[in-house]
PDB file of N, CA and C in Angstrom:
ATOM      1  N   MET A   1     110.887  98.590 118.097  1.00  0.00           N
ATOM      2  CA  MET A   1     111.816  98.083 116.948  1.00  0.00           C
ATOM      3  C   MET A   1     111.874  96.788 116.699  1.00  0.00           C
ATOM      4  N   GLY A   2     110.481  96.047 117.376  1.00  0.00           N
ATOM      5  CA  GLY A   2     110.384  94.808 117.105  1.00  0.00           C
ATOM      6  C   GLY A   2     110.756  93.647 117.944  1.00  0.00           C
ATOM      7  N   GLY A   3     111.354  94.099 119.657  1.00  0.00           N
ATOM      8  CA  GLY A   3     111.820  93.475 120.148  1.00  0.00           C
ATOM      9  C   GLY A   3     111.008  92.809 121.020  1.00  0.00           C
ATOM     10  N   SER A   4     109.986  93.008 120.905  1.00  0.00           N
ATOM     11  CA  SER A   4     108.802  92.418 121.877  1.00  0.00           C
ATOM     12  C   SER A   4     108.687  90.968 121.827  1.00  0.00           C
ATOM     13  N   SER A   5     108.133  90.218 122.959  1.00  0.00           N
ATOM     14  CA  SER A   5     107.931  89.050 122.850  1.00  0.00           C
ATOM     15  C   SER A   5     106.388  88.633 121.543  1.00  0.00           C
ATOM     16  N   ARG A   6     106.757  87.196 121.371  1.00  0.00           N
ATOM     17  CA  ARG A   6     105.867  86.820 120.336  1.00  0.00           C
ATOM     18  C   ARG A   6     104.741  85.955 120.741  1.00  0.00           C
ATOM     19  N   PRO A   7     103.638  86.193 120.429  1.00  0.00           N
ATOM     20  CA  PRO A   7     102.415  85.163 120.891  1.00  0.00           C
ATOM     21  C   PRO A   7     102.821  83.794 120.535  1.00  0.00           C
ATOM     22  N   GLN A   8     102.826  83.086 121.426  1.00  0.00           N
ATOM     23  CA  GLN A   8     102.971  81.789 120.885  1.00  0.00           C
ATOM     24  C   GLN A   8     102.345  80.521 119.861  1.00  0.00           C
ATOM     25  N   ASN A   9     100.696  81.415 119.943  1.00  0.00           N
ATOM     26  CA  ASN A   9      99.668  80.760 118.557  1.00  0.00           C
ATOM     27  C   ASN A   9      99.389  81.270 117.714  1.00  0.00           C
ATOM     28  N   PHE A  10     100.562  82.265 117.192  1.00  0.00           N
ATOM     29  CA  PHE A  10     100.110  83.472 116.217  1.00  0.00           C
ATOM     30  C   PHE A  10     100.701  82.461 114.908  1.00  0.00           C
ATOM     31  N   ASP A  11      99.986  81.853 114.266  1.00  0.00           N
ATOM     32  CA  ASP A  11     100.240  81.485 112.831  1.00  0.00           C
ATOM     33  C   ASP A  11     100.063  82.263 111.594  1.00  0.00           C
ATOM     34  N   SER A  12     100.662  83.051 111.151  1.00  0.00           N
ATOM     35  CA  SER A  12     100.671  84.343 110.008  1.00  0.00           C
ATOM     36  C   SER A  12     100.627  83.176 108.976  1.00  0.00           C
ATOM     37  N   ASP A  13     101.028  82.297 108.537  1.00  0.00           N
ATOM     38  CA  ASP A  13     100.739  81.831 106.958  1.00  0.00           C
ATOM     39  C   ASP A  13      99.491  81.288 107.099  1.00  0.00           C
ATOM     40  N   ASN A  14      98.672  80.993 107.764  1.00  0.00           N
ATOM     41  CA  ASN A  14      97.578  80.624 107.464  1.00  0.00           C
ATOM     42  C   ASN A  14      96.203  81.397 107.629  1.00  0.00           C
ATOM     43  N   LEU A  15      96.694  82.667 107.926  1.00  0.00           N
ATOM     44  CA  LEU A  15      95.763  83.761 107.863  1.00  0.00           C
ATOM     45  C   LEU A  15      95.298  84.499 107.042  1.00  0.00           C
ATOM     46  N   THR A  16      94.569  84.660 106.961  1.00  0.00           N
ATOM     47  CA  THR A  16      93.896  86.250 105.790  1.00  0.00           C
ATOM     48  C   THR A  16      94.009  87.742 106.625  1.00  0.00           C
ATOM     49  N   PRO A  17      94.877  88.733 105.914  1.00  0.00           N
ATOM     50  CA  PRO A  17      95.079  90.116 106.418  1.00  0.00           C
ATOM     51  C   PRO A  17      94.060  90.121 107.628  1.00  0.00           C
ATOM     52  N   GLN A  18      92.814  90.220 107.233  1.00  0.00           N
ATOM     53  CA  GLN A  18      91.844  90.603 108.441  1.00  0.00           C
ATOM     54  C   GLN A  18      92.040  89.490 109.431  1.00  0.00           C
ATOM     55  N   GLU A  19      92.165  88.494 109.714  1.00  0.00           N
ATOM     56  CA  GLU A  19      92.168  87.581 110.393  1.00  0.00           C
ATOM     57  C   GLU A  19      93.374  87.767 111.433  1.00  0.00           C
ATOM     58  N   ALA A  20      94.488  88.135 110.746  1.00  0.00           N
ATOM     59  CA  ALA A  20      95.606  88.656 111.476  1.00  0.00           C
ATOM     60  C   ALA A  20      95.017  90.088 112.387  1.00  0.00           C
ATOM     61  N   VAL A  21      94.561  90.785 111.784  1.00  0.00           N
ATOM     62  CA  VAL A  21      94.130  92.190 112.687  1.00  0.00           C
ATOM     63  C   VAL A  21      93.180  91.701 113.438  1.00  0.00           C
ATOM     64  N   ASN A  22      92.406  90.935 113.626  1.00  0.00           N
ATOM     65  CA  ASN A  22      91.358  90.654 114.562  1.00  0.00           C
ATOM     66  C   ASN A  22      92.061  90.104 115.497  1.00  0.00           C
ATOM     67  N   TYR A  23      92.800  88.937 115.071  1.00  0.00           N
ATOM     68  CA  TYR A  23      93.781  88.625 116.346  1.00  0.00           C
ATOM     69  C   TYR A  23      94.225  89.306 116.965  1.00  0.00           C
ATOM     70  N   PHE A  24      94.993  90.351 116.598  1.00  0.00           N
ATOM     71  CA  PHE A  24      95.697  91.528 117.394  1.00  0.00           C
ATOM     72  C   PHE A  24      94.637  92.317 118.454  1.00  0.00           C
ATOM     73  N   ILE A  25      93.592  92.390 117.715  1.00  0.00           N
ATOM     74  CA  ILE A  25      92.423  93.424 118.096  1.00  0.00           C
ATOM     75  C   ILE A  25      91.991  92.605 119.813  1.00  0.00           C
ATOM     76  N   GLU A  26      91.508  91.621 119.282  1.00  0.00           N
ATOM     77  CA  GLU A  26      91.114  90.652 120.675  1.00  0.00           C
ATOM     78  C   GLU A  26      92.394  90.221 121.915  1.00  0.00           C
ATOM     79  N   TYR A  27      93.489  90.557 121.477  1.00  0.00           N
ATOM     80  CA  TYR A  27      94.951  90.084 122.210  1.00  0.00           C
ATOM     81  C   TYR A  27      94.975  91.005 123.063  1.00  0.00           C
ATOM     82  N   ILE A  28      94.468  92.528 122.397  1.00  0.00           N
ATOM     83  CA  ILE A  28      94.520  93.888 123.529  1.00  0.00           C
ATOM     84  C   ILE A  28      93.252  93.499 124.270  1.00  0.00           C
ATOM     85  N   GLU A  29      92.228  93.152 123.935  1.00  0.00           N
ATOM     86  CA  GLU A  29      90.886  93.143 124.604  1.00  0.00           C
ATOM     87  C   GLU A  29      91.422  92.293 125.511  1.00  0.00           C
ATOM     88  N   ALA A  30      91.637  90.854 125.512  1.00  0.00           N
ATOM     89  CA  ALA A  30      91.819  89.846 126.504  1.00  0.00           C
ATOM     90  C   ALA A  30      92.907  90.485 127.551  1.00  0.00           C
ATOM     91  N   TRP A  31      93.782  91.567 127.321  1.00  0.00           N
ATOM     92  CA  TRP A  31      94.723  92.277 128.109  1.00  0.00           C
ATOM     93  C   TRP A  31      93.817  92.866 128.485  1.00  0.00           C
ATOM     94  N   ARG A  32      92.761  93.927 128.363  1.00  0.00           N
ATOM     95  CA  ARG A  32      92.262  94.924 129.002  1.00  0.00           C
ATOM     96  C   ARG A  32      91.444  94.046 130.090  1.00  0.00           C
ATOM     97  N   VAL A  33      90.646  92.961 129.400  1.00  0.00           N
ATOM     98  CA  VAL A  33      89.551  92.327 130.489  1.00  0.00           C
ATOM     99  C   VAL A  33      90.863  91.574 131.666  1.00  0.00           C
ATOM    100  N   ALA A  34      91.552  91.256 131.135  1.00  0.00           N
ATOM    101  CA  ALA A  34      92.637  90.815 132.291  1.00  0.00           C
ATOM    102  C   ALA A  34      93.372  91.599 133.378  1.00  0.00           C
ATOM    103  N   MET A  35      93.174  92.593 132.758  1.00  0.00           N
ATOM    104  CA  MET A  35      93.994  93.880 133.696  1.00  0.00           C
ATOM    105  C   MET A  35      92.733  94.804 134.256  1.00  0.00           C
ATOM    106  N   ASN A  36      91.216  94.274 134.226  1.00  0.00           N
ATOM    107  CA  ASN A  36      90.409  94.916 134.810  1.00  0.00           C
ATOM    108  C   ASN A  36      90.356  96.473 134.592  1.00  0.00           C
ATOM    109  N   ILE A  37      90.460  96.961 133.596  1.00  0.00           N
ATOM    110  CA  ILE A  37      90.344  98.283 133.184  1.00  0.00           C
ATOM    111  C   ILE A  37      89.568  98.514 132.082  1.00  0.00           C
ATOM    112  N   THR A  38      89.296 100.026 132.531  1.00  0.00           N
ATOM    113  CA  THR A  38      88.203 100.660 130.986  1.00  0.00           C
ATOM    114  C   THR A  38      88.214 102.019 131.370  1.00  0.00           C
ATOM    115  N   ASP A  39      88.099 102.766 130.293  1.00  0.00           N
ATOM    116  CA  ASP A  39      88.177 104.537 130.163  1.00  0.00           C
ATOM    117  C   ASP A  39      89.635 104.909 130.164  1.00  0.00           C
ATOM    118  N   PHE A  40      90.380 104.047 129.178  1.00  0.00           N
ATOM    119  CA  PHE A  40      92.130 104.350 129.253  1.00  0.00           C
ATOM    120  C   PHE A  40      92.270 105.077 128.585  1.00  0.00           C
ATOM    121  N   TYR A  41      93.749 105.537 128.302  1.00  0.00           N
ATOM    122  CA  TYR A  41      94.251 106.163 127.473  1.00  0.00           C
ATOM    123  C   TYR A  41      95.201 105.242 126.513  1.00  0.00           C
ATOM    124  N   LEU A  42      95.267 105.486 125.353  1.00  0.00           N
ATOM    125  CA  LEU A  42      95.511 104.244 124.378  1.00  0.00           C
ATOM    126  C   LEU A  42      96.649 104.905 123.503  1.00  0.00           C
ATOM    127  N   SER A  43      97.723 104.948 123.448  1.00  0.00           N
ATOM    128  CA  SER A  43      98.587 105.284 122.699  1.00  0.00           C
ATOM    129  C   SER A  43      99.177 104.359 121.815  1.00  0.00           C
ATOM    130  N   ALA A  44      99.784 104.491 120.553  1.00  0.00           N
ATOM    131  CA  ALA A  44     100.473 103.379 119.922  1.00  0.00           C
ATOM    132  C   ALA A  44     101.482 103.763 118.814  1.00  0.00           C
ATOM    133  N   HIS A  45     102.365 103.558 118.128  1.00  0.00           N
ATOM    134  CA  HIS A  45     103.239 104.241 117.520  1.00  0.00           C
ATOM    135  C   HIS A  45     103.457 102.956 115.844  1.00  0.00           C
ATOM    136  N   SER A  46     103.259 103.206 114.696  1.00  0.00           N
ATOM    137  CA  SER A  46     103.709 102.986 113.700  1.00  0.00           C
ATOM    138  C   SER A  46     102.733 101.352 113.404  1.00  0.00           C
ATOM    139  N   PHE A  47     102.823 100.483 113.424  1.00  0.00           N
ATOM    140  CA  PHE A  47     102.115  99.462 113.509  1.00  0.00           C
ATOM    141  C   PHE A  47     101.441  98.882 114.401  1.00  0.00           C
ATOM    142  N   GLY A  48     101.461  99.565 115.575  1.00  0.00           N
ATOM    143  CA  GLY A  48     100.876  99.604 117.065  1.00  0.00           C
ATOM    144  C   GLY A  48      99.586 100.479 116.661  1.00  0.00           C
ATOM    145  N   GLY A  49      99.953 101.710 116.312  1.00  0.00           N
ATOM    146  CA  GLY A  49      98.910 102.500 115.831  1.00  0.00           C
ATOM    147  C   GLY A  49      97.971 101.856 114.824  1.00  0.00           C
ATOM    148  N   PHE A  50      98.334 101.356 113.775  1.00  0.00           N
ATOM    149  CA  PHE A  50      97.467 101.103 113.229  1.00  0.00           C
ATOM    150  C   PHE A  50      96.701  99.876 113.729  1.00  0.00           C
ATOM    151  N   VAL A  51      96.902  98.832 114.431  1.00  0.00           N
ATOM    152  CA  VAL A  51      96.288  97.827 115.237  1.00  0.00           C
ATOM    153  C   VAL A  51      95.122  98.656 116.245  1.00  0.00           C
ATOM    154  N   CYS A  52      95.839  99.719 117.070  1.00  0.00           N
ATOM    155  CA  CYS A  52      95.177 100.094 117.948  1.00  0.00           C
ATOM    156  C   CYS A  52      94.001 101.151 117.425  1.00  0.00           C
ATOM    157  N   GLY A  53      94.142 101.608 116.296  1.00  0.00           N
ATOM    158  CA  GLY A  53      93.356 102.038 115.342  1.00  0.00           C
ATOM    159  C   GLY A  53      91.710 101.406 114.761  1.00  0.00           C
ATOM    160  N   HIS A  54      91.911  99.852 114.894  1.00  0.00           N
ATOM    161  CA  HIS A  54      91.221  99.090 114.356  1.00  0.00           C
ATOM    162  C   HIS A  54      90.625  98.558 115.626  1.00  0.00           C
ATOM    163  N   TYR A  55      91.695  98.429 116.868  1.00  0.00           N
ATOM    164  CA  TYR A  55      90.860  98.124 118.289  1.00  0.00           C
ATOM    165  C   TYR A  55      89.660  99.048 118.853  1.00  0.00           C
ATOM    166  N   ALA A  56      90.311 100.810 118.170  1.00  0.00           N
ATOM    167  CA  ALA A  56      89.266 101.763 118.884  1.00  0.00           C
ATOM    168  C   ALA A  56      88.098 101.834 118.082  1.00  0.00           C
ATOM    169  N   LEU A  57      88.258 101.209 116.938  1.00  0.00           N
ATOM    170  CA  LEU A  57      86.554 101.008 115.885  1.00  0.00           C
ATOM    171  C   LEU A  57      85.971 100.480 116.838  1.00  0.00           C
ATOM    172  N   LYS A  58      86.289  99.100 117.253  1.00  0.00           N
ATOM    173  CA  LYS A  58      85.467  98.170 117.631  1.00  0.00           C
ATOM    174  C   LYS A  58      85.143  98.082 119.081  1.00  0.00           C
ATOM    175  N   TYR A  59      86.425  98.460 120.225  1.00  0.00           N
ATOM    176  CA  TYR A  59      85.928  98.645 121.379  1.00  0.00           C
ATOM    177  C   TYR A  59      86.596 100.020 121.571  1.00  0.00           C
ATOM    178  N   HIS A  60      85.685 100.938 121.319  1.00  0.00           N
ATOM    179  CA  HIS A  60      85.747 102.496 121.512  1.00  0.00           C
ATOM    180  C   HIS A  60      85.031 102.653 123.005  1.00  0.00           C
ATOM    181  N   MET A  61      84.231 102.230 123.615  1.00  0.00           N
ATOM    182  CA  MET A  61      83.329 102.302 124.563  1.00  0.00           C
ATOM    183  C   MET A  61      84.815 102.206 125.953  1.00  0.00           C
ATOM    184  N   HIS A  62      85.755 101.154 125.496  1.00  0.00           N
ATOM    185  CA  HIS A  62      86.123 101.298 126.871  1.00  0.00           C
ATOM    186  C   HIS A  62      87.624 102.194 126.911  1.00  0.00           C
ATOM    187  N   ILE A  63      88.215 103.277 125.572  1.00  0.00           N
ATOM    188  CA  ILE A  63      89.081 104.256 125.155  1.00  0.00           C
ATOM    189  C   ILE A  63      88.488 105.506 125.828  1.00  0.00           C
ATOM    190  N   LYS A  64      89.444 106.039 126.476  1.00  0.00           N
ATOM    191  CA  LYS A  64      89.004 107.481 126.851  1.00  0.00           C
ATOM    192  C   LYS A  64      89.743 108.617 125.860  1.00  0.00           C
ATOM    193  N   LYS A  65      90.819 108.228 125.423  1.00  0.00           N
ATOM    194  CA  LYS A  65      91.537 108.816 124.442  1.00  0.00           C
ATOM    195  C   LYS A  65      92.485 107.944 123.766  1.00  0.00           C
ATOM    196  N   LEU A  66      92.412 108.329 122.441  1.00  0.00           N
ATOM    197  CA  LEU A  66      93.260 107.136 121.355  1.00  0.00           C
ATOM    198  C   LEU A  66      94.100 108.499 121.269  1.00  0.00           C
ATOM    199  N   LEU A  67      95.714 108.195 120.664  1.00  0.00           N
ATOM    200  CA  LEU A  67      96.553 108.622 120.425  1.00  0.00           C
ATOM    201  C   LEU A  67      97.598 107.705 119.208  1.00  0.00           C
ATOM    202  N   MET A  68      97.723 107.690 118.262  1.00  0.00           N
ATOM    203  CA  MET A  68      98.131 107.210 117.131  1.00  0.00           C
ATOM    204  C   MET A  68      99.282 108.083 116.679  1.00  0.00           C
ATOM    205  N   LEU A  69     100.653 107.659 116.861  1.00  0.00           N
ATOM    206  CA  LEU A  69     101.809 108.633 116.292  1.00  0.00           C
ATOM    207  C   LEU A  69     102.489 107.817 115.223  1.00  0.00           C
ATOM    208  N   SER A  70     102.045 108.446 114.201  1.00  0.00           N
ATOM    209  CA  SER A  70     102.212 108.189 112.634  1.00  0.00           C
ATOM    210  C   SER A  70     102.357 106.849 112.300  1.00  0.00           C
ATOM    211  N   PRO A  71     100.781 106.398 112.365  1.00  0.00           N
ATOM    212  CA  PRO A  71     100.487 105.089 111.955  1.00  0.00           C
ATOM    213  C   PRO A  71     100.609 104.363 110.767  1.00  0.00           C
ATOM    214  N   ILE A  72     100.561 103.432 110.411  1.00  0.00           N
ATOM    215  CA  ILE A  72     100.793 103.337 108.852  1.00  0.00           C
ATOM    216  C   ILE A  72      98.868 102.823 108.708  1.00  0.00           C
ATOM    217  N   GLY A  73      98.934 102.667 107.492  1.00  0.00           N
ATOM    218  CA  GLY A  73      97.612 102.219 106.840  1.00  0.00           C
ATOM    219  C   GLY A  73      96.360 103.461 107.191  1.00  0.00           C
ATOM    220  N   VAL A  74      97.025 104.607 107.597  1.00  0.00           N
ATOM    221  CA  VAL A  74      96.039 105.701 107.993  1.00  0.00           C
ATOM    222  C   VAL A  74      95.852 106.920 106.893  1.00  0.00           C
ATOM    223  N   ARG A  75      94.937 107.243 106.159  1.00  0.00           N
ATOM    224  CA  ARG A  75      95.035 108.192 105.353  1.00  0.00           C
ATOM    225  C   ARG A  75      93.933 109.287 105.765  1.00  0.00           C
ATOM    226  N   TYR A  76      94.602 110.399 105.122  1.00  0.00           N
ATOM    227  CA  TYR A  76      93.583 111.552 105.418  1.00  0.00           C
ATOM    228  C   TYR A  76      91.965 111.258 105.056  1.00  0.00           C
ATOM    229  N   ASN A  77      91.111 111.661 105.259  1.00  0.00           N
ATOM    230  CA  ASN A  77      89.987 111.590 104.778  1.00  0.00           C
ATOM    231  C   ASN A  77      89.054 112.712 104.855  1.00  0.00           C
ATOM    232  N   GLU A  78      88.830 113.273 103.715  1.00  0.00           N
ATOM    233  CA  GLU A  78      88.163 114.942 103.749  1.00  0.00           C
ATOM    234  C   GLU A  78      86.281 114.647 103.817  1.00  0.00           C
ATOM    235  N   GLU A  79      85.793 113.371 103.783  1.00  0.00           N
ATOM    236  CA  GLU A  79      84.702 113.463 104.201  1.00  0.00           C
ATOM    237  C   GLU A  79      84.335 113.184 105.432  1.00  0.00           C
ATOM    238  N   PHE A  80      85.014 112.342 106.215  1.00  0.00           N
ATOM    239  CA  PHE A  80      85.195 112.160 107.131  1.00  0.00           C
ATOM    240  C   PHE A  80      85.121 113.520 108.294  1.00  0.00           C
ATOM    241  N   GLU A  81      86.477 114.440 107.539  1.00  0.00           N
ATOM    242  CA  GLU A  81      86.402 115.485 108.522  1.00  0.00           C
ATOM    243  C   GLU A  81      85.416 116.577 108.137  1.00  0.00           C
ATOM    244  N   ALA A  82      84.664 116.424 107.240  1.00  0.00           N
ATOM    245  CA  ALA A  82      83.507 117.561 106.585  1.00  0.00           C
ATOM    246  C   ALA A  82      82.364 117.172 107.456  1.00  0.00           C
ATOM    247  N   MET A  83      82.390 116.070 108.079  1.00  0.00           N
ATOM    248  CA  MET A  83      81.162 115.350 108.990  1.00  0.00           C
ATOM    249  C   MET A  83      81.656 116.261 110.130  1.00  0.00           C
ATOM    250  N   SER A  84      79.612 116.126 110.714  1.00  0.00           N
ATOM    251  CA  SER A  84      79.536 116.791 112.070  1.00  0.00           C
ATOM    252  C   SER A  84      80.149 115.855 113.144  1.00  0.00           C
ATOM    253  N   GLU A  85      80.623 116.159 114.413  1.00  0.00           N
ATOM    254  CA  GLU A  85      80.900 115.063 115.083  1.00  0.00           C
ATOM    255  C   GLU A  85      80.070 114.355 115.633  1.00  0.00           C
ATOM    256  N   ASN A  86      78.543 114.358 115.702  1.00  0.00           N
ATOM    257  CA  ASN A  86      77.485 113.378 115.626  1.00  0.00           C
ATOM    258  C   ASN A  86      77.978 112.958 114.912  1.00  0.00           C
ATOM    259  N   GLU A  87      77.895 113.069 113.322  1.00  0.00           N
ATOM    260  CA  GLU A  87      78.090 112.199 112.343  1.00  0.00           C
ATOM    261  C   GLU A  87      79.086 111.381 112.598  1.00  0.00           C
ATOM    262  N   GLN A  88      80.471 111.806 113.138  1.00  0.00           N
ATOM    263  CA  GLN A  88      81.888 111.068 112.841  1.00  0.00           C
ATOM    264  C   GLN A  88      81.416 110.074 114.223  1.00  0.00           C
ATOM    265  N   ASN A  89      80.873 110.390 115.100  1.00  0.00           N
ATOM    266  CA  ASN A  89      80.468 109.459 116.230  1.00  0.00           C
ATOM    267  C   ASN A  89      79.780 108.132 115.427  1.00  0.00           C
ATOM    268  N   ASP A  90      78.366 108.275 114.915  1.00  0.00           N
ATOM    269  CA  ASP A  90      77.782 107.363 114.058  1.00  0.00           C
ATOM    270  C   ASP A  90      78.815 106.817 113.066  1.00  0.00           C
ATOM    271  N   TYR A  91      79.776 107.358 112.594  1.00  0.00           N
ATOM    272  CA  TYR A  91      80.220 106.621 111.455  1.00  0.00           C
ATOM    273  C   TYR A  91      81.064 105.476 112.044  1.00  0.00           C
ATOM    274  N   ILE A  92      81.836 105.573 113.048  1.00  0.00           N
ATOM    275  CA  ILE A  92      82.951 104.949 113.915  1.00  0.00           C
ATOM    276  C   ILE A  92      82.200 103.915 114.824  1.00  0.00           C
ATOM    277  N   ALA A  93      81.103 104.353 115.479  1.00  0.00           N
ATOM    278  CA  ALA A  93      80.208 103.202 116.173  1.00  0.00           C
ATOM    279  C   ALA A  93      79.778 102.238 115.733  1.00  0.00           C
TER     280      ALA A  93
END
């Protein structure tokens, strides 16, 4: 509900949308490294699902399973669904 703490060095006025997404992706990755975890379950809701989806695209090797609950910005992709599992893995790697 937006009640979490805010990063002190996040200046959204001077970032492009992609830079903002990258900021959050790297924030999650820094947390993972600091916690020394890998092969973990990642679950997120709404905007968190959007960010974690992008994180999973870049750092999929650290995630055992990804669960996105009502993520924003994710559309159904018929072409992706028609691919074999190997083709899907190549697509997101």
